[in-house]
C-alpha atoms as a PDB file:
ATOM      1  CA  UNK A   1     -43.112   6.270  72.028  1.00  0.00           C
ATOM      2  CA  UNK A   2     -41.534   9.539  70.989  1.00  0.00           C
ATOM      3  CA  UNK A   3     -43.663  12.709  70.749  1.00  0.00           C
ATOM      4  CA  UNK A   4     -42.864  13.081  67.038  1.00  0.00           C
ATOM      5  CA  UNK A   5     -44.133   9.570  66.322  1.00  0.00           C
ATOM      6  CA  UNK A   6     -47.356  10.326  68.201  1.00  0.00           C
ATOM      7  CA  UNK A   7     -47.980  13.377  66.061  1.00  0.00           C
ATOM      8  CA  UNK A   8     -47.547  11.350  62.887  1.00  0.00           C
ATOM      9  CA  UNK A   9     -50.051   8.753  64.083  1.00  0.00           C
ATOM     10  CA  UNK A  10     -52.541  11.545  64.863  1.00  0.00           C
ATOM     11  CA  UNK A  11     -52.062  13.179  61.455  1.00  0.00           C
ATOM     12  CA  UNK A  12     -52.357   9.822  59.644  1.00  0.00           C
ATOM     13  CA  UNK A  13     -55.582   9.014  61.494  1.00  0.00           C
ATOM     14  CA  UNK A  14     -57.030  12.411  60.628  1.00  0.00           C
ATOM     15  CA  UNK A  15     -56.241  11.962  56.925  1.00  0.00           C
ATOM     16  CA  UNK A  16     -57.669   8.435  56.869  1.00  0.00           C
ATOM     17  CA  UNK A  17     -60.835   9.547  58.651  1.00  0.00           C
ATOM     18  CA  UNK A  18     -61.328  12.441  56.263  1.00  0.00           C
ATOM     19  CA  UNK A  19     -60.769  10.191  53.244  1.00  0.00           C
ATOM     20  CA  UNK A  20     -63.200   7.556  54.499  1.00  0.00           C
ATOM     21  CA  UNK A  21     -65.818  10.230  55.215  1.00  0.00           C
ATOM     22  CA  UNK A  22     -65.551  11.705  51.708  1.00  0.00           C
ATOM     23  CA  UNK A  23     -65.604   8.249  50.123  1.00  0.00           C
ATOM     24  CA  UNK A  24     -68.756   7.360  52.038  1.00  0.00           C
ATOM     25  CA  UNK A  25     -70.491  10.645  51.219  1.00  0.00           C
ATOM     26  CA  UNK A  26     -69.601  10.652  47.522  1.00  0.00           C
ATOM     27  CA  UNK A  27     -69.583   6.943  46.589  1.00  0.00           C
ATOM     28  CA  UNK A  28     -71.260   4.611  49.080  1.00  0.00           C
ATOM     29  CA  UNK A  29     -74.024   6.858  50.458  1.00  0.00           C
ATOM     30  CA  UNK A  30     -74.348  10.036  48.362  1.00  0.00           C
ATOM     31  CA  UNK A  31     -76.984  12.599  49.249  1.00  0.00           C
ATOM     32  CA  UNK A  32     -80.230  12.047  47.347  1.00  0.00           C
ATOM     33  CA  UNK A  33     -82.713  14.884  47.038  1.00  0.00           C
ATOM     34  CA  UNK A  34     -86.392  13.942  47.166  1.00  0.00           C
ATOM     35  CA  UNK A  35     -89.466  16.185  47.182  1.00  0.00           C
ATOM     36  CA  UNK A  36     -87.363  19.321  46.977  1.00  0.00           C
ATOM     37  CA  UNK A  37     -88.328  22.669  45.427  1.00  0.00           C
ATOM     38  CA  UNK A  38     -87.158  24.125  42.085  1.00  0.00           C
ATOM     39  CA  UNK A  39     -85.278  26.799  44.052  1.00  0.00           C
ATOM     40  CA  UNK A  40     -82.587  24.202  44.846  1.00  0.00           C
ATOM     41  CA  UNK A  41     -81.853  23.530  41.152  1.00  0.00           C
ATOM     42  CA  UNK A  42     -78.588  24.470  39.491  1.00  0.00           C
ATOM     43  CA  UNK A  43     -78.520  27.652  37.410  1.00  0.00           C
ATOM     44  CA  UNK A  44     -78.675  25.800  34.071  1.00  0.00           C
ATOM     45  CA  UNK A  45     -81.595  23.661  35.245  1.00  0.00           C
ATOM     46  CA  UNK A  46     -83.393  26.822  36.383  1.00  0.00           C
ATOM     47  CA  UNK A  47     -82.996  28.190  32.849  1.00  0.00           C
ATOM     48  CA  UNK A  48     -84.622  25.048  31.463  1.00  0.00           C
ATOM     49  CA  UNK A  49     -87.421  25.383  34.029  1.00  0.00           C
ATOM     50  CA  UNK A  50     -88.095  29.001  32.973  1.00  0.00           C
ATOM     51  CA  UNK A  51     -88.085  27.961  29.324  1.00  0.00           C
ATOM     52  CA  UNK A  52     -90.728  25.308  30.061  1.00  0.00           C
ATOM     53  CA  UNK A  53     -92.810  27.870  31.983  1.00  0.00           C
ATOM     54  CA  UNK A  54     -92.655  30.249  29.016  1.00  0.00           C
ATOM     55  CA  UNK A  55     -93.651  27.451  26.626  1.00  0.00           C
ATOM     56  CA  UNK A  56     -96.591  26.486  28.840  1.00  0.00           C
ATOM     57  CA  UNK A  57     -97.749  30.108  29.031  1.00  0.00           C
ATOM     58  CA  UNK A  58     -97.469  30.420  25.244  1.00  0.00           C
ATOM     59  CA  UNK A  59     -99.741  27.382  24.852  1.00  0.00           C
ATOM     60  CA  UNK A  60    -102.317  28.100  27.587  1.00  0.00           C
ATOM     61  CA  UNK A  61    -102.157  31.850  28.268  1.00  0.00           C
ATOM     62  CA  UNK A  62    -102.552  31.142  32.004  1.00  0.00           C
ATOM     63  CA  UNK A  63    -100.517  33.970  33.557  1.00  0.00           C
ATOM     64  CA  UNK A  64    -101.453  33.146  37.168  1.00  0.00           C
ATOM     65  CA  UNK A  65    -100.077  29.622  36.836  1.00  0.00           C
ATOM     66  CA  UNK A  66     -96.903  30.937  35.190  1.00  0.00           C
ATOM     67  CA  UNK A  67     -96.428  33.374  38.100  1.00  0.00           C
ATOM     68  CA  UNK A  68     -96.859  30.570  40.636  1.00  0.00           C
ATOM     69  CA  UNK A  69     -94.312  28.415  38.840  1.00  0.00           C
ATOM     70  CA  UNK A  70     -91.798  31.260  38.611  1.00  0.00           C
ATOM     71  CA  UNK A  71     -92.242  31.918  42.331  1.00  0.00           C
ATOM     72  CA  UNK A  72     -91.081  28.334  43.022  1.00  0.00           C
ATOM     73  CA  UNK A  73     -87.656  29.233  41.632  1.00  0.00           C
ATOM     74  CA  UNK A  74     -87.098  31.734  44.437  1.00  0.00           C
ATOM     75  CA  UNK A  75     -85.707  34.489  42.187  1.00  0.00           C
ATOM     76  CA  UNK A  76     -85.420  37.871  43.869  1.00  0.00           C
ATOM     77  CA  UNK A  77     -86.625  39.582  40.670  1.00  0.00           C
ATOM     78  CA  UNK A  78     -88.365  37.153  38.243  1.00  0.00           C
ATOM     79  CA  UNK A  79     -88.549  39.804  35.502  1.00  0.00           C
ATOM     80  CA  UNK A  80     -84.806  40.440  35.681  1.00  0.00           C
ATOM     81  CA  UNK A  81     -84.132  36.691  35.654  1.00  0.00           C
ATOM     82  CA  UNK A  82     -86.235  36.289  32.485  1.00  0.00           C
ATOM     83  CA  UNK A  83     -84.428  39.169  30.788  1.00  0.00           C
ATOM     84  CA  UNK A  84     -80.973  37.883  31.691  1.00  0.00           C
ATOM     85  CA  UNK A  85     -81.832  34.399  30.456  1.00  0.00           C
ATOM     86  CA  UNK A  86     -83.141  35.793  27.136  1.00  0.00           C
ATOM     87  CA  UNK A  87     -79.875  37.699  26.678  1.00  0.00           C
ATOM     88  CA  UNK A  88     -77.835  34.565  27.386  1.00  0.00           C
ATOM     89  CA  UNK A  89     -79.905  32.592  24.897  1.00  0.00           C
ATOM     90  CA  UNK A  90     -79.419  35.217  22.183  1.00  0.00           C
ATOM     91  CA  UNK A  91     -75.672  35.258  22.877  1.00  0.00           C
ATOM     92  CA  UNK A  92     -75.612  31.452  22.501  1.00  0.00           C
ATOM     93  CA  UNK A  93     -77.614  31.600  19.235  1.00  0.00           C
ATOM     94  CA  UNK A  94     -80.612  29.825  20.756  1.00  0.00           C
ATOM     95  CA  UNK A  95     -83.770  29.466  18.602  1.00  0.00           C
ATOM     96  CA  UNK A  96     -85.574  32.807  18.241  1.00  0.00           C
ATOM     97  CA  UNK A  97     -88.916  31.126  18.955  1.00  0.00           C
ATOM     98  CA  UNK A  98     -87.804  30.274  22.489  1.00  0.00           C
ATOM     99  CA  UNK A  99     -86.436  33.768  23.074  1.00  0.00           C
ATOM    100  CA  UNK A 100     -89.721  35.245  21.842  1.00  0.00           C
ATOM    101  CA  UNK A 101     -91.663  33.123  24.340  1.00  0.00           C
ATOM    102  CA  UNK A 102     -89.541  34.476  27.183  1.00  0.00           C
ATOM    103  CA  UNK A 103     -90.110  38.028  25.902  1.00  0.00           C
ATOM    104  CA  UNK A 104     -93.889  37.434  25.690  1.00  0.00           C
ATOM    105  CA  UNK A 105     -94.004  36.162  29.279  1.00  0.00           C
ATOM    106  CA  UNK A 106     -91.922  39.124  30.464  1.00  0.00           C
ATOM    107  CA  UNK A 107     -94.273  41.532  28.666  1.00  0.00           C
ATOM    108  CA  UNK A 108     -97.343  39.934  30.254  1.00  0.00           C
ATOM    109  CA  UNK A 109     -95.836  40.144  33.748  1.00  0.00           C
ATOM    110  CA  UNK A 110     -94.880  43.790  33.230  1.00  0.00           C
ATOM    111  CA  UNK A 111     -98.368  44.606  31.938  1.00  0.00           C
ATOM    112  CA  UNK A 112     -99.993  42.979  34.964  1.00  0.00           C
ATOM    113  CA  UNK A 113     -97.667  44.862  37.328  1.00  0.00           C
ATOM    114  CA  UNK A 114     -98.785  48.133  35.712  1.00  0.00           C
ATOM    115  CA  UNK A 115    -102.490  47.189  35.767  1.00  0.00           C
ATOM    116  CA  UNK A 116    -104.983  49.370  37.646  1.00  0.00           C
ATOM    117  CA  UNK A 117    -105.837  47.796  41.026  1.00  0.00           C
ATOM    118  CA  UNK A 118    -109.315  46.390  41.421  1.00  0.00           C
ATOM    119  CA  UNK A 119    -112.451  47.241  43.224  1.00  0.00           C
ATOM    120  CA  UNK A 120    -113.744  50.711  43.909  1.00  0.00           C
ATOM    121  CA  UNK A 121    -116.683  51.585  46.099  1.00  0.00           C
ATOM    122  CA  UNK A 122    -119.783  52.402  44.057  1.00  0.00           C
ATOM    123  CA  UNK A 123    -123.270  53.625  44.741  1.00  0.00           C
ATOM    124  CA  UNK A 124    -124.646  50.083  44.925  1.00  0.00           C
ATOM    125  CA  UNK A 125    -122.214  48.919  47.602  1.00  0.00           C
ATOM    126  CA  UNK A 126    -123.998  47.339  50.572  1.00  0.00           C
ATOM    127  CA  UNK A 127    -124.322  49.613  53.611  1.00  0.00           C
ATOM    128  CA  UNK A 128    -123.304  48.158  56.967  1.00  0.00           C
ATOM    129  CA  UNK A 129    -126.120  47.657  59.443  1.00  0.00           C
ATOM    130  CA  UNK A 130    -125.620  50.130  62.310  1.00  0.00           C
ATOM    131  CA  UNK A 131    -128.159  51.480  64.836  1.00  0.00           C
ATOM    132  CA  UNK A 132    -128.087  54.906  63.179  1.00  0.00           C
ATOM    133  CA  UNK A 133    -128.691  53.402  59.740  1.00  0.00           C
ATOM    134  CA  UNK A 134    -131.606  51.353  61.024  1.00  0.00           C
ATOM    135  CA  UNK A 135    -133.111  54.397  62.723  1.00  0.00           C
ATOM    136  CA  UNK A 136    -132.966  56.439  59.496  1.00  0.00           C
ATOM    137  CA  UNK A 137    -134.045  53.631  57.205  1.00  0.00           C
ATOM    138  CA  UNK A 138    -137.337  53.828  55.338  1.00  0.00           C
ATOM    139  CA  UNK A 139    -140.161  51.436  56.209  1.00  0.00           C
ATOM    140  CA  UNK A 140    -139.527  49.448  53.055  1.00  0.00           C
ATOM    141  CA  UNK A 141    -135.937  48.754  54.131  1.00  0.00           C
ATOM    142  CA  UNK A 142    -136.861  47.265  57.525  1.00  0.00           C
ATOM    143  CA  UNK A 143    -138.545  43.922  58.252  1.00  0.00           C
ATOM    144  CA  UNK A 144    -142.030  44.558  59.543  1.00  0.00           C
ATOM    145  CA  UNK A 145    -144.231  41.819  61.036  1.00  0.00           C
ATOM    146  CA  UNK A 146    -147.665  41.773  59.464  1.00  0.00           C
ATOM    147  CA  UNK A 147    -149.644  40.849  62.531  1.00  0.00           C
ATOM    148  CA  UNK A 148    -148.758  40.382  66.214  1.00  0.00           C
ATOM    149  CA  UNK A 149    -150.955  39.791  69.276  1.00  0.00           C
ATOM    150  CA  UNK A 150    -152.138  42.993  70.941  1.00  0.00           C
ATOM    151  CA  UNK A 151    -151.585  41.632  74.417  1.00  0.00           C
ATOM    152  CA  UNK A 152    -149.803  38.838  76.210  1.00  0.00           C
ATOM    153  CA  UNK A 153    -150.947  35.311  75.466  1.00  0.00           C
ATOM    154  CA  UNK A 154    -151.739  33.200  78.483  1.00  0.00           C
ATOM    155  CA  UNK A 155    -150.760  29.611  78.820  1.00  0.00           C
ATOM    156  CA  UNK A 156    -154.467  28.535  78.659  1.00  0.00           C
ATOM    157  CA  UNK A 157    -155.201  30.436  75.490  1.00  0.00           C
ATOM    158  CA  UNK A 158    -156.722  28.430  72.711  1.00  0.00           C
ATOM    159  CA  UNK A 159    -154.411  27.411  69.899  1.00  0.00           C
ATOM    160  CA  UNK A 160    -156.493  29.345  67.415  1.00  0.00           C
ATOM    161  CA  UNK A 161    -155.668  32.583  69.227  1.00  0.00           C
ATOM    162  CA  UNK A 162    -151.936  32.130  68.516  1.00  0.00           C
ATOM    163  CA  UNK A 163    -150.555  33.897  65.484  1.00  0.00           C
ATOM    164  CA  UNK A 164    -150.006  31.682  62.467  1.00  0.00           C
ATOM    165  CA  UNK A 165    -146.568  31.216  60.924  1.00  0.00           C
ATOM    166  CA  UNK A 166    -147.708  33.333  57.975  1.00  0.00           C
ATOM    167  CA  UNK A 167    -148.632  36.155  60.325  1.00  0.00           C
ATOM    168  CA  UNK A 168    -145.197  36.256  61.957  1.00  0.00           C
ATOM    169  CA  UNK A 169    -143.195  36.002  58.723  1.00  0.00           C
ATOM    170  CA  UNK A 170    -141.114  39.001  57.839  1.00  0.00           C
ATOM    171  CA  UNK A 171    -140.040  40.370  54.465  1.00  0.00           C
ATOM    172  CA  UNK A 172    -136.272  40.839  54.267  1.00  0.00           C
ATOM    173  CA  UNK A 173    -134.701  43.176  51.726  1.00  0.00           C
ATOM    174  CA  UNK A 174    -133.000  41.341  48.864  1.00  0.00           C
ATOM    175  CA  UNK A 175    -129.209  41.504  49.041  1.00  0.00           C
ATOM    176  CA  UNK A 176    -127.368  43.762  46.644  1.00  0.00           C
ATOM    177  CA  UNK A 177    -124.121  42.447  45.168  1.00  0.00           C
ATOM    178  CA  UNK A 178    -121.371  44.453  43.593  1.00  0.00           C
ATOM    179  CA  UNK A 179    -118.803  43.052  41.183  1.00  0.00           C
ATOM    180  CA  UNK A 180    -115.163  44.100  41.245  1.00  0.00           C
ATOM    181  CA  UNK A 181    -113.787  44.896  37.796  1.00  0.00           C
ATOM    182  CA  UNK A 182    -111.012  42.690  36.473  1.00  0.00           C
ATOM    183  CA  UNK A 183    -107.541  44.232  36.181  1.00  0.00           C
ATOM    184  CA  UNK A 184    -106.918  45.660  32.737  1.00  0.00           C
ATOM    185  CA  UNK A 185    -103.632  45.304  30.906  1.00  0.00           C
ATOM    186  CA  UNK A 186    -101.790  48.258  29.524  1.00  0.00           C
ATOM    187  CA  UNK A 187    -102.375  49.050  25.898  1.00  0.00           C
ATOM    188  CA  UNK A 188    -100.258  47.089  23.460  1.00  0.00           C
ATOM    189  CA  UNK A 189     -99.300  48.056  19.937  1.00  0.00           C
ATOM    190  CA  UNK A 190    -102.140  47.613  17.465  1.00  0.00           C
ATOM    191  CA  UNK A 191    -101.230  45.511  14.414  1.00  0.00           C
ATOM    192  CA  UNK A 192    -101.263  47.502  11.200  1.00  0.00           C
ATOM    193  CA  UNK A 193    -100.017  50.734  12.776  1.00  0.00           C
ATOM    194  CA  UNK A 194     -96.263  50.933  12.175  1.00  0.00           C
ATOM    195  CA  UNK A 195     -93.971  52.648  14.626  1.00  0.00           C
ATOM    196  CA  UNK A 196     -92.529  55.966  13.517  1.00  0.00           C
ATOM    197  CA  UNK A 197     -89.124  57.412  14.313  1.00  0.00           C
ATOM    198  CA  UNK A 198     -89.839  60.319  16.685  1.00  0.00           C
ATOM    199  CA  UNK A 199     -86.277  61.316  17.586  1.00  0.00           C
ATOM    200  CA  UNK A 200     -82.692  60.398  16.679  1.00  0.00           C
ATOM    201  CA  UNK A 201     -79.627  61.754  18.457  1.00  0.00           C
ATOM    202  CA  UNK A 202     -76.019  60.897  19.266  1.00  0.00           C
ATOM    203  CA  UNK A 203     -74.177  60.961  22.583  1.00  0.00           C
ATOM    204  CA  UNK A 204     -70.636  60.502  23.878  1.00  0.00           C
ATOM    205  CA  UNK A 205     -70.089  58.406  27.002  1.00  0.00           C
ATOM    206  CA  UNK A 206     -66.788  56.677  27.656  1.00  0.00           C
ATOM    207  CA  UNK A 207     -68.581  54.055  29.788  1.00  0.00           C
ATOM    208  CA  UNK A 208     -70.858  53.058  26.872  1.00  0.00           C
ATOM    209  CA  UNK A 209     -68.822  53.209  23.637  1.00  0.00           C
ATOM    210  CA  UNK A 210     -70.677  52.373  20.436  1.00  0.00           C
ATOM    211  CA  UNK A 211     -74.006  51.740  22.177  1.00  0.00           C
ATOM    212  CA  UNK A 212     -77.218  51.886  20.134  1.00  0.00           C
ATOM    213  CA  UNK A 213     -80.121  52.667  22.501  1.00  0.00           C
ATOM    214  CA  UNK A 214     -83.734  52.152  21.385  1.00  0.00           C
ATOM    215  CA  UNK A 215     -86.902  53.261  23.218  1.00  0.00           C
ATOM    216  CA  UNK A 216     -90.346  52.301  21.868  1.00  0.00           C
ATOM    217  CA  UNK A 217     -93.777  53.573  22.993  1.00  0.00           C
ATOM    218  CA  UNK A 218     -97.150  52.214  21.854  1.00  0.00           C
ATOM    219  CA  UNK A 219    -100.259  54.122  20.791  1.00  0.00           C
ATOM    220  CA  UNK A 220    -101.190  54.704  24.462  1.00  0.00           C
ATOM    221  CA  UNK A 221     -97.825  56.409  25.053  1.00  0.00           C
ATOM    222  CA  UNK A 222     -96.749  53.481  27.240  1.00  0.00           C
ATOM    223  CA  UNK A 223     -93.414  51.618  26.941  1.00  0.00           C
ATOM    224  CA  UNK A 224     -93.871  48.690  24.556  1.00  0.00           C
ATOM    225  CA  UNK A 225     -92.188  45.492  25.740  1.00  0.00           C
ATOM    226  CA  UNK A 226     -91.590  42.393  23.649  1.00  0.00           C
ATOM    227  CA  UNK A 227     -91.005  44.254  20.360  1.00  0.00           C
ATOM    228  CA  UNK A 228     -88.553  42.402  18.134  1.00  0.00           C
ATOM    229  CA  UNK A 229     -85.792  44.470  16.517  1.00  0.00           C
ATOM    230  CA  UNK A 230     -83.623  43.231  13.675  1.00  0.00           C
ATOM    231  CA  UNK A 231     -80.269  44.894  13.075  1.00  0.00           C
ATOM    232  CA  UNK A 232     -78.277  44.018   9.974  1.00  0.00           C
ATOM    233  CA  UNK A 233     -74.860  44.917   8.588  1.00  0.00           C
ATOM    234  CA  UNK A 234     -72.680  43.676   5.787  1.00  0.00           C
ATOM    235  CA  UNK A 235     -72.332  39.968   6.437  1.00  0.00           C
ATOM    236  CA  UNK A 236     -74.309  39.813   9.685  1.00  0.00           C
ATOM    237  CA  UNK A 237     -77.709  40.027  11.379  1.00  0.00           C
ATOM    238  CA  UNK A 238     -78.913  39.966  14.989  1.00  0.00           C
ATOM    239  CA  UNK A 239     -82.317  39.978  16.701  1.00  0.00           C
ATOM    240  CA  UNK A 240     -83.058  41.538  20.090  1.00  0.00           C
ATOM    241  CA  UNK A 241     -86.160  42.605  22.036  1.00  0.00           C
ATOM    242  CA  UNK A 242     -87.418  45.470  24.144  1.00  0.00           C
ATOM    243  CA  UNK A 243     -88.288  44.847  27.791  1.00  0.00           C
ATOM    244  CA  UNK A 244     -85.397  42.509  28.590  1.00  0.00           C
ATOM    245  CA  UNK A 245     -83.833  45.161  30.835  1.00  0.00           C
ATOM    246  CA  UNK A 246     -86.822  46.348  32.921  1.00  0.00           C
ATOM    247  CA  UNK A 247     -84.537  48.381  35.194  1.00  0.00           C
ATOM    248  CA  UNK A 248     -83.940  50.679  32.176  1.00  0.00           C
ATOM    249  CA  UNK A 249     -87.569  50.679  30.990  1.00  0.00           C
ATOM    250  CA  UNK A 250     -90.043  48.212  29.519  1.00  0.00           C
ATOM    251  CA  UNK A 251     -89.633  49.722  26.052  1.00  0.00           C
ATOM    252  CA  UNK A 252     -85.817  49.807  26.149  1.00  0.00           C
ATOM    253  CA  UNK A 253     -83.339  47.731  24.145  1.00  0.00           C
ATOM    254  CA  UNK A 254     -79.707  48.219  23.150  1.00  0.00           C
ATOM    255  CA  UNK A 255     -77.006  46.872  20.874  1.00  0.00           C
ATOM    256  CA  UNK A 256     -73.232  47.443  20.820  1.00  0.00           C
ATOM    257  CA  UNK A 257     -72.030  48.713  17.428  1.00  0.00           C
ATOM    258  CA  UNK A 258     -68.584  48.103  15.958  1.00  0.00           C
ATOM    259  CA  UNK A 259     -66.535  51.110  14.909  1.00  0.00           C
ATOM    260  CA  UNK A 260     -66.758  52.089  11.206  1.00  0.00           C
ATOM    261  CA  UNK A 261     -69.559  49.603  10.457  1.00  0.00           C
ATOM    262  CA  UNK A 262     -72.852  50.793   8.955  1.00  0.00           C
ATOM    263  CA  UNK A 263     -76.062  49.248  10.316  1.00  0.00           C
ATOM    264  CA  UNK A 264     -79.748  49.139   9.402  1.00  0.00           C
ATOM    265  CA  UNK A 265     -82.439  48.673  12.055  1.00  0.00           C
ATOM    266  CA  UNK A 266     -85.889  47.182  11.364  1.00  0.00           C
ATOM    267  CA  UNK A 267     -88.922  46.823  13.637  1.00  0.00           C
ATOM    268  CA  UNK A 268     -90.617  43.565  12.755  1.00  0.00           C
ATOM    269  CA  UNK A 269     -93.894  44.654  14.372  1.00  0.00           C
ATOM    270  CA  UNK A 270     -94.424  47.626  12.085  1.00  0.00           C
ATOM    271  CA  UNK A 271     -92.021  47.294   9.197  1.00  0.00           C
ATOM    272  CA  UNK A 272     -90.178  50.529  10.053  1.00  0.00           C
ATOM    273  CA  UNK A 273     -86.559  50.546   8.814  1.00  0.00           C
ATOM    274  CA  UNK A 274     -83.743  52.983   9.654  1.00  0.00           C
ATOM    275  CA  UNK A 275     -80.553  52.824   7.608  1.00  0.00           C
ATOM    276  CA  UNK A 276     -77.129  54.495   7.723  1.00  0.00           C
ATOM    277  CA  UNK A 277     -76.523  53.940  11.447  1.00  0.00           C
ATOM    278  CA  UNK A 278     -72.821  54.389  12.247  1.00  0.00           C
ATOM    279  CA  UNK A 279     -71.205  55.005  15.625  1.00  0.00           C
ATOM    280  CA  UNK A 280     -70.132  58.695  15.792  1.00  0.00           C
ATOM    281  CA  UNK A 281     -66.584  59.723  16.579  1.00  0.00           C
ATOM    282  CA  UNK A 282     -66.030  61.177  20.074  1.00  0.00           C
ATOM    283  CA  UNK A 283     -62.949  62.648  21.814  1.00  0.00           C
ATOM    284  CA  UNK A 284     -62.311  62.132  25.522  1.00  0.00           C
ATOM    285  CA  UNK A 285     -60.696  64.580  27.934  1.00  0.00           C
ATOM    286  CA  UNK A 286     -57.236  63.246  27.118  1.00  0.00           C
ATOM    287  CA  UNK A 287     -57.660  63.791  23.389  1.00  0.00           C
ATOM    288  CA  UNK A 288     -58.161  60.122  22.511  1.00  0.00           C
ATOM    289  CA  UNK A 289     -60.846  59.106  20.024  1.00  0.00           C
ATOM    290  CA  UNK A 290     -63.545  56.531  20.804  1.00  0.00           C
ATOM    291  CA  UNK A 291     -66.920  55.432  19.416  1.00  0.00           C
ATOM    292  CA  UNK A 292     -70.004  57.324  20.567  1.00  0.00           C
ATOM    293  CA  UNK A 293     -73.590  56.121  20.801  1.00  0.00           C
ATOM    294  CA  UNK A 294     -76.933  56.629  19.049  1.00  0.00           C
ATOM    295  CA  UNK A 295     -80.364  57.055  20.632  1.00  0.00           C
ATOM    296  CA  UNK A 296     -83.502  56.192  18.654  1.00  0.00           C
ATOM    297  CA  UNK A 297     -87.034  56.875  19.903  1.00  0.00           C
ATOM    298  CA  UNK A 298     -90.008  55.249  18.170  1.00  0.00           C
ATOM    299  CA  UNK A 299     -93.688  55.971  18.773  1.00  0.00           C
ATOM    300  CA  UNK A 300     -96.870  54.443  17.457  1.00  0.00           C
ATOM    301  CA  UNK A 301     -99.478  56.894  16.142  1.00  0.00           C
END
């Protein structure tokens, strides 16, 4: 047998073995996942899982259970994952009701993260029992036997000379319990109090052409997440929400404007409406023109 023929046999065997292995793994005995975790799901299935979590939270209001379910997905930043999914859904013209549920869940998680941590030590907190504390304690704080024998009791003493169980009983101080306060959520906008435009300005940044930036604060001067904004123009309308980009602030939202198009912005929560929004004209260092941005700041009185 020639060396060249031996090489061809080896190569043919390798190809046949590889083909049989793939055929077995993909057709005859494919891998079947059982009792696995949601973290192993595909990206689109994870989106459906988050949507179901948001729907369940909307129906029950159980934030702890929603957190536990989100943790099963293994996301590094669950808030960022919720925001990115909401943006994808809005880009794909998904139902606004589903996007609102994701925004509500994101707002609740952000509010809990900003909540004041729990228990503080008060005046009624129980004092640990130490020798120094017992030495300085008042008679009413210590157990005192009511009656004890004055001398040793001999083995032949009559039973009536022994102290009765009532005589040797002690009075223990009643325990004092303290209750830890529940975490409180950050203040949310109060219905009936519309947001007011506090500041409007323009800016020129070549990295963000035509960007409309919105920041909203509630009546506690805290960023307000989950606020729906409606922007309209001739022949079009789009909805977006604050809090979907927590890395830029819980009360932040943005929208990319088209050059030479006039927009009107409405806040559905308070009925505030701003009209005549047009991207300003900016000039870069090379003398070329580009669209600038607008910053709007709303506050609730």
